[in-house]
C-alpha atoms as a PDB file:
ATOM      1  CA  MET A   1     101.679  80.502 100.179  1.00  0.00           C
ATOM      2  CA  GLY A   2      99.843  81.691  97.066  1.00  0.00           C
ATOM      3  CA  ASN A   3      97.306  84.509  96.934  1.00  0.00           C
ATOM      4  CA  ILE A   4      95.926  86.136 100.063  1.00  0.00           C
ATOM      5  CA  CYS A   5      92.700  88.159 100.181  1.00  0.00           C
ATOM      6  CA  PHE A   6      91.504  90.697 102.721  1.00  0.00           C
ATOM      7  CA  PHE A   7      87.907  91.642 103.502  1.00  0.00           C
ATOM      8  CA  GLY A   8      86.054  93.001 106.453  1.00  0.00           C
ATOM      9  CA  GLN A   9      84.765  95.686 108.717  1.00  0.00           C
ATOM     10  CA  ARG A  10      84.179  99.135 107.235  1.00  0.00           C
ATOM     11  CA  LYS A  11      83.977 101.165 110.424  1.00  0.00           C
ATOM     12  CA  LEU A  12      87.070 101.216 112.612  1.00  0.00           C
ATOM     13  CA  SER A  13      87.896 103.565 115.444  1.00  0.00           C
ATOM     14  CA  PRO A  14      90.438 106.274 114.601  1.00  0.00           C
ATOM     15  CA  ALA A  15      92.611 105.044 117.474  1.00  0.00           C
ATOM     16  CA  GLU A  16      92.891 101.463 116.211  1.00  0.00           C
ATOM     17  CA  ALA A  17      93.372 102.212 112.484  1.00  0.00           C
ATOM     18  CA  PRO A  18      97.122 103.070 112.592  1.00  0.00           C
ATOM     19  CA  LEU A  19      97.878 100.079 114.831  1.00  0.00           C
ATOM     20  CA  LEU A  20      95.923  97.740 112.580  1.00  0.00           C
ATOM     21  CA  GLU A  21      97.684  99.097 109.480  1.00  0.00           C
ATOM     22  CA  GLU A  22     101.076  98.381 111.073  1.00  0.00           C
ATOM     23  CA  GLU A  23      99.930  94.886 112.046  1.00  0.00           C
ATOM     24  CA  LEU A  24      98.750  94.259 108.474  1.00  0.00           C
ATOM     25  CA  GLU A  25     102.128  95.389 107.133  1.00  0.00           C
ATOM     26  CA  ARG A  26     103.904  92.900 109.425  1.00  0.00           C
ATOM     27  CA  LEU A  27     101.438  90.174 108.423  1.00  0.00           C
ATOM     28  CA  ALA A  28     102.023  90.853 104.701  1.00  0.00           C
ATOM     29  CA  LEU A  29     105.788  90.596 105.206  1.00  0.00           C
ATOM     30  CA  ARG A  30     105.359  87.360 107.130  1.00  0.00           C
ATOM     31  CA  LEU A  31     103.055  85.830 104.516  1.00  0.00           C
ATOM     32  CA  ALA A  32     105.338  86.923 101.672  1.00  0.00           C
ATOM     33  CA  GLY A  33     108.067  84.912 103.382  1.00  0.00           C
ATOM     34  CA  TYR A  34     106.257  81.751 102.220  1.00  0.00           C
ATOM     35  CA  GLY A  35     106.917  82.669  98.592  1.00  0.00           C
ATOM     36  CA  PRO A  36     105.681  85.036  95.895  1.00  0.00           C
ATOM     37  CA  ALA A  37     102.183  86.233  96.631  1.00  0.00           C
ATOM     38  CA  TRP A  38      99.457  88.458  95.324  1.00  0.00           C
ATOM     39  CA  PHE A  39      97.478  90.267  97.982  1.00  0.00           C
ATOM     40  CA  LEU A  40      93.881  90.954  96.935  1.00  0.00           C
ATOM     41  CA  THR A  41      91.474  93.453  98.448  1.00  0.00           C
ATOM     42  CA  GLY A  42      88.270  95.134  97.375  1.00  0.00           C
ATOM     43  CA  GLY A  43      89.442  98.582  98.419  1.00  0.00           C
ATOM     44  CA  ALA A  44      86.360  99.375 100.516  1.00  0.00           C
ATOM     45  CA  PRO A  45      86.747 101.876 103.351  1.00  0.00           C
ATOM     46  CA  GLY A  46      87.957 100.546 106.686  1.00  0.00           C
ATOM     47  CA  PHE A  47      89.769  97.227 106.947  1.00  0.00           C
ATOM     48  CA  GLU A  48      90.220  96.684 103.196  1.00  0.00           C
ATOM     49  CA  THR A  49      91.817 100.111 102.704  1.00  0.00           C
ATOM     50  CA  LEU A  50      94.085  99.532 105.716  1.00  0.00           C
ATOM     51  CA  ALA A  51      95.052  96.121 104.334  1.00  0.00           C
ATOM     52  CA  ALA A  52      95.959  97.681 100.975  1.00  0.00           C
ATOM     53  CA  ARG A  53      98.037 100.356 102.721  1.00  0.00           C
ATOM     54  CA  GLY A  54      99.771  97.716 104.858  1.00  0.00           C
ATOM     55  CA  VAL A  55     100.613  95.677 101.758  1.00  0.00           C
ATOM     56  CA  LEU A  56     101.927  98.770  99.961  1.00  0.00           C
ATOM     57  CA  ARG A  57     104.126  99.594 102.964  1.00  0.00           C
ATOM     58  CA  ALA A  58     105.415  96.005 103.036  1.00  0.00           C
ATOM     59  CA  ARG A  59     106.160  96.203  99.303  1.00  0.00           C
ATOM     60  CA  ARG A  60     108.710  98.959  99.997  1.00  0.00           C
ATOM     61  CA  SER A  61     110.966  96.483 101.811  1.00  0.00           C
ATOM     62  CA  ARG A  62     110.037  93.393  99.792  1.00  0.00           C
ATOM     63  CA  PRO A  63     109.532  94.295  96.097  1.00  0.00           C
ATOM     64  CA  GLY A  64     108.099  90.854  95.217  1.00  0.00           C
ATOM     65  CA  ILE A  65     104.878  91.701  97.036  1.00  0.00           C
ATOM     66  CA  ARG A  66     102.015  92.535  94.664  1.00  0.00           C
ATOM     67  CA  LEU A  67      98.692  94.241  95.369  1.00  0.00           C
ATOM     68  CA  ALA A  68      95.613  93.594  93.238  1.00  0.00           C
ATOM     69  CA  LEU A  69      92.404  95.536  93.729  1.00  0.00           C
ATOM     70  CA  VAL A  70      89.383  93.393  92.931  1.00  0.00           C
ATOM     71  CA  LEU A  71      86.567  95.883  92.467  1.00  0.00           C
ATOM     72  CA  PRO A  72      82.892  94.962  92.248  1.00  0.00           C
ATOM     73  CA  CYS A  73      82.200  97.589  89.591  1.00  0.00           C
ATOM     74  CA  GLU A  74      83.392 100.782  88.006  1.00  0.00           C
ATOM     75  CA  GLY A  75      82.303 103.832  89.972  1.00  0.00           C
ATOM     76  CA  GLN A  76      82.580 102.001  93.289  1.00  0.00           C
ATOM     77  CA  THR A  77      83.178 105.210  95.281  1.00  0.00           C
ATOM     78  CA  TRP A  78      79.810 106.772  94.478  1.00  0.00           C
ATOM     79  CA  GLY A  79      78.320 107.996  97.749  1.00  0.00           C
ATOM     80  CA  TRP A  80      81.546 107.617  99.772  1.00  0.00           C
ATOM     81  CA  SER A  81      82.917 110.420 101.937  1.00  0.00           C
ATOM     82  CA  ALA A  82      85.593 112.644 100.391  1.00  0.00           C
ATOM     83  CA  ALA A  83      88.227 111.145 102.729  1.00  0.00           C
ATOM     84  CA  ASP A  84      87.300 107.539 101.831  1.00  0.00           C
ATOM     85  CA  ALA A  85      87.297 108.347  98.094  1.00  0.00           C
ATOM     86  CA  ALA A  86      90.724 110.022  98.390  1.00  0.00           C
ATOM     87  CA  ALA A  87      92.158 107.000 100.228  1.00  0.00           C
ATOM     88  CA  TYR A  88      90.721 104.741  97.516  1.00  0.00           C
ATOM     89  CA  ARG A  89      92.313 106.820  94.722  1.00  0.00           C
ATOM     90  CA  GLU A  90      95.650 106.618  96.537  1.00  0.00           C
ATOM     91  CA  ILE A  91      95.683 102.808  96.757  1.00  0.00           C
ATOM     92  CA  PHE A  92      94.190 102.516  93.247  1.00  0.00           C
ATOM     93  CA  ALA A  93      97.122 104.512  91.819  1.00  0.00           C
ATOM     94  CA  GLN A  94      99.699 102.320  93.579  1.00  0.00           C
ATOM     95  CA  ALA A  95      98.159  98.872  93.004  1.00  0.00           C
ATOM     96  CA  ASP A  96      99.973  96.479  90.684  1.00  0.00           C
ATOM     97  CA  SER A  97      96.692  95.313  89.097  1.00  0.00           C
ATOM     98  CA  ARG A  98      93.038  96.311  89.151  1.00  0.00           C
ATOM     99  CA  PHE A  99      90.151  94.016  88.266  1.00  0.00           C
ATOM    100  CA  PHE A 100      86.676  95.433  87.640  1.00  0.00           C
ATOM    101  CA  LEU A 101      84.142  92.627  87.768  1.00  0.00           C
ATOM    102  CA  ALA A 102      81.308  94.683  86.244  1.00  0.00           C
ATOM    103  CA  ARG A 103      80.815  97.983  84.478  1.00  0.00           C
ATOM    104  CA  GLY A 104      78.208  99.231  86.929  1.00  0.00           C
ATOM    105  CA  TYR A 105      76.613  98.416  90.243  1.00  0.00           C
ATOM    106  CA  TYR A 106      73.904  95.751  90.411  1.00  0.00           C
ATOM    107  CA  PRO A 107      72.383  93.868  93.369  1.00  0.00           C
ATOM    108  CA  GLY A 108      74.768  91.089  94.384  1.00  0.00           C
ATOM    109  CA  CYS A 109      77.917  92.513  92.778  1.00  0.00           C
ATOM    110  CA  ILE A 110      79.657  92.964  96.125  1.00  0.00           C
ATOM    111  CA  GLN A 111      78.912  89.366  97.142  1.00  0.00           C
ATOM    112  CA  ARG A 112      80.207  88.179  93.776  1.00  0.00           C
ATOM    113  CA  GLN A 113      83.388  90.202  94.270  1.00  0.00           C
ATOM    114  CA  GLY A 114      84.032  88.536  97.641  1.00  0.00           C
ATOM    115  CA  ARG A 115      83.516  85.038  96.232  1.00  0.00           C
ATOM    116  CA  TRP A 116      85.786  85.887  93.259  1.00  0.00           C
ATOM    117  CA  MET A 117      88.608  86.743  95.675  1.00  0.00           C
ATOM    118  CA  VAL A 118      88.057  83.690  97.892  1.00  0.00           C
ATOM    119  CA  ASP A 119      88.035  81.388  94.834  1.00  0.00           C
ATOM    120  CA  ARG A 120      91.505  82.606  93.848  1.00  0.00           C
ATOM    121  CA  CYS A 121      93.187  82.570  97.255  1.00  0.00           C
ATOM    122  CA  GLY A 122      94.923  80.150  99.546  1.00  0.00           C
ATOM    123  CA  LEU A 123      94.273  82.265 102.642  1.00  0.00           C
ATOM    124  CA  CYS A 124      91.626  84.809 103.638  1.00  0.00           C
ATOM    125  CA  VAL A 125      92.366  87.454 106.245  1.00  0.00           C
ATOM    126  CA  CYS A 126      89.296  89.185 107.619  1.00  0.00           C
ATOM    127  CA  ARG A 127      88.159  91.533 110.329  1.00  0.00           C
ATOM    128  CA  PHE A 128      84.743  91.823 111.910  1.00  0.00           C
ATOM    129  CA  SER A 129      83.564  92.832 115.327  1.00  0.00           C
ATOM    130  CA  ALA A 130      82.441  90.240 117.858  1.00  0.00           C
ATOM    131  CA  GLY A 131      79.019  91.857 117.971  1.00  0.00           C
ATOM    132  CA  ALA A 132      78.479  91.539 114.205  1.00  0.00           C
ATOM    133  CA  PRO A 133      79.582  88.060 113.065  1.00  0.00           C
ATOM    134  CA  GLY A 134      76.962  87.995 110.304  1.00  0.00           C
ATOM    135  CA  GLY A 135      76.711  90.311 107.352  1.00  0.00           C
ATOM    136  CA  HIS A 136      78.894  90.272 104.275  1.00  0.00           C
ATOM    137  CA  THR A 137      82.114  89.388 106.101  1.00  0.00           C
ATOM    138  CA  GLY A 138      80.471  86.544 107.991  1.00  0.00           C
ATOM    139  CA  GLN A 139      79.001  85.195 104.738  1.00  0.00           C
ATOM    140  CA  LEU A 140      82.448  85.274 103.088  1.00  0.00           C
ATOM    141  CA  VAL A 141      84.048  83.500 106.047  1.00  0.00           C
ATOM    142  CA  ALA A 142      81.419  80.752 105.780  1.00  0.00           C
ATOM    143  CA  TYR A 143      81.945  80.544 101.996  1.00  0.00           C
ATOM    144  CA  ALA A 144      85.733  80.276 102.398  1.00  0.00           C
ATOM    145  CA  ARG A 145      85.399  77.519 104.972  1.00  0.00           C
ATOM    146  CA  ARG A 146      83.015  75.567 102.713  1.00  0.00           C
ATOM    147  CA  ARG A 147      85.604  75.896  99.925  1.00  0.00           C
ATOM    148  CA  GLY A 148      88.401  74.667 102.235  1.00  0.00           C
ATOM    149  CA  VAL A 149      90.233  78.005 102.255  1.00  0.00           C
ATOM    150  CA  PRO A 150      91.863  78.818 105.620  1.00  0.00           C
ATOM    151  CA  VAL A 151      90.622  81.988 107.296  1.00  0.00           C
ATOM    152  CA  LEU A 152      92.590  84.196 109.659  1.00  0.00           C
ATOM    153  CA  CYS A 153      90.128  86.381 111.574  1.00  0.00           C
ATOM    154  CA  LEU A 154      91.503  89.525 113.137  1.00  0.00           C
ATOM    155  CA  GLY A 155      88.426  90.147 115.229  1.00  0.00           C
ATOM    156  CA  ALA A 156      87.529  90.812 118.820  1.00  0.00           C
ATOM    157  CA  LEU A 157      90.806  89.323 120.069  1.00  0.00           C
ATOM    158  CA  GLY A 158      92.780  91.878 118.066  1.00  0.00           C
ATOM    159  CA  PRO A 159      95.388  91.560 115.326  1.00  0.00           C
ATOM    160  CA  GLY A 160      98.005  88.857 115.596  1.00  0.00           C
ATOM    161  CA  ARG A 161      96.387  86.923 118.432  1.00  0.00           C
ATOM    162  CA  GLU A 162      95.332  83.920 116.371  1.00  0.00           C
ATOM    163  CA  GLN A 163      97.725  81.437 114.852  1.00  0.00           C
ATOM    164  CA  LEU A 164      98.492  81.660 111.169  1.00  0.00           C
ATOM    165  CA  PRO A 165      96.954  78.599 109.494  1.00  0.00           C
ATOM    166  CA  GLY A 166      98.756  76.648 106.809  1.00  0.00           C
ATOM    167  CA  PRO A 167      97.224  76.053 103.400  1.00  0.00           C
ATOM    168  CA  ALA A 168      94.366  73.568 103.311  1.00  0.00           C
ATOM    169  CA  ARG A 169      94.835  72.695  99.644  1.00  0.00           C
ATOM    170  CA  PRO A 170      97.168  73.436  96.740  1.00  0.00           C
ATOM    171  CA  MET A 171      97.332  77.128  95.931  1.00  0.00           C
ATOM    172  CA  ARG A 172      95.775  78.524  92.810  1.00  0.00           C
ATOM    173  CA  GLY A 173      97.565  81.278  90.931  1.00  0.00           C
ATOM    174  CA  LEU A 174      96.079  84.673  90.217  1.00  0.00           C
ATOM    175  CA  THR A 175      94.529  84.397  86.815  1.00  0.00           C
ATOM    176  CA  THR A 176      93.463  87.086  84.431  1.00  0.00           C
ATOM    177  CA  SER A 177      91.539  84.670  82.232  1.00  0.00           C
ATOM    178  CA  ARG A 178      87.845  85.446  82.065  1.00  0.00           C
ATOM    179  CA  PRO A 179      85.638  83.299  84.282  1.00  0.00           C
ATOM    180  CA  ALA A 180      82.430  82.487  82.406  1.00  0.00           C
ATOM    181  CA  GLU A 181      80.132  83.977  85.030  1.00  0.00           C
ATOM    182  CA  TYR A 182      81.864  87.377  85.217  1.00  0.00           C
ATOM    183  CA  ASN A 183      81.995  90.316  82.875  1.00  0.00           C
ATOM    184  CA  MET A 184      85.287  91.738  83.921  1.00  0.00           C
ATOM    185  CA  THR A 185      87.763  94.464  83.125  1.00  0.00           C
ATOM    186  CA  CYS A 186      91.418  94.133  84.036  1.00  0.00           C
ATOM    187  CA  GLN A 187      93.648  97.153  84.289  1.00  0.00           C
ATOM    188  CA  ASN A 188      97.328  96.649  84.845  1.00  0.00           C
ATOM    189  CA  ASN A 189     100.057  99.258  85.232  1.00  0.00           C
ATOM    190  CA  ALA A 190     101.861  97.820  82.192  1.00  0.00           C
ATOM    191  CA  ASN A 191      98.855  97.284  79.919  1.00  0.00           C
ATOM    192  CA  LYS A 192      95.107  97.502  79.696  1.00  0.00           C
ATOM    193  CA  ARG A 193      92.838  94.705  78.500  1.00  0.00           C
ATOM    194  CA  ARG A 194      89.059  94.442  78.390  1.00  0.00           C
ATOM    195  CA  TRP A 195      87.072  91.249  78.166  1.00  0.00           C
ATOM    196  CA  GLU A 196      83.693  91.828  76.537  1.00  0.00           C
END
């Protein structure tokens, strides 16, 4: 299937979070059945953190599953709650790769991060509430559709209620080569490289 990225809703009810995490684990196992895959997420609180946790749980039973955190900038957790920052550190420590797209925050870095993930994936999995189809998630869904990347929305209908789409085009591999428009840092468990 190629690479799969996750993005979406930051605020989830405490009751739905464990159920959604389990659903994301099952989805990761199902998608990994199509072949080796990297799962990409930005690590933001809410859906992206749950997606990372679901992928990490799936990796326990299927070691070929890989998690990459694609981070808009270093210091991303500034201003987050203590609980959200702790959850981020947990998934950061367990990720197979980490990509920092900038050294510090700047206007537009989060939008650039989302497009970076979409451009390297064969499927986008997202979550947003029916009452808020716009915003960052809605913009990324529109961008993915313009690029011909299938989108699986786990929205108002709930997880697993929509059919899993097949790839719309040949898959592109996860690359660590430096795109011209990004100043990026890549950290990997095995090594550390910096593109200046």
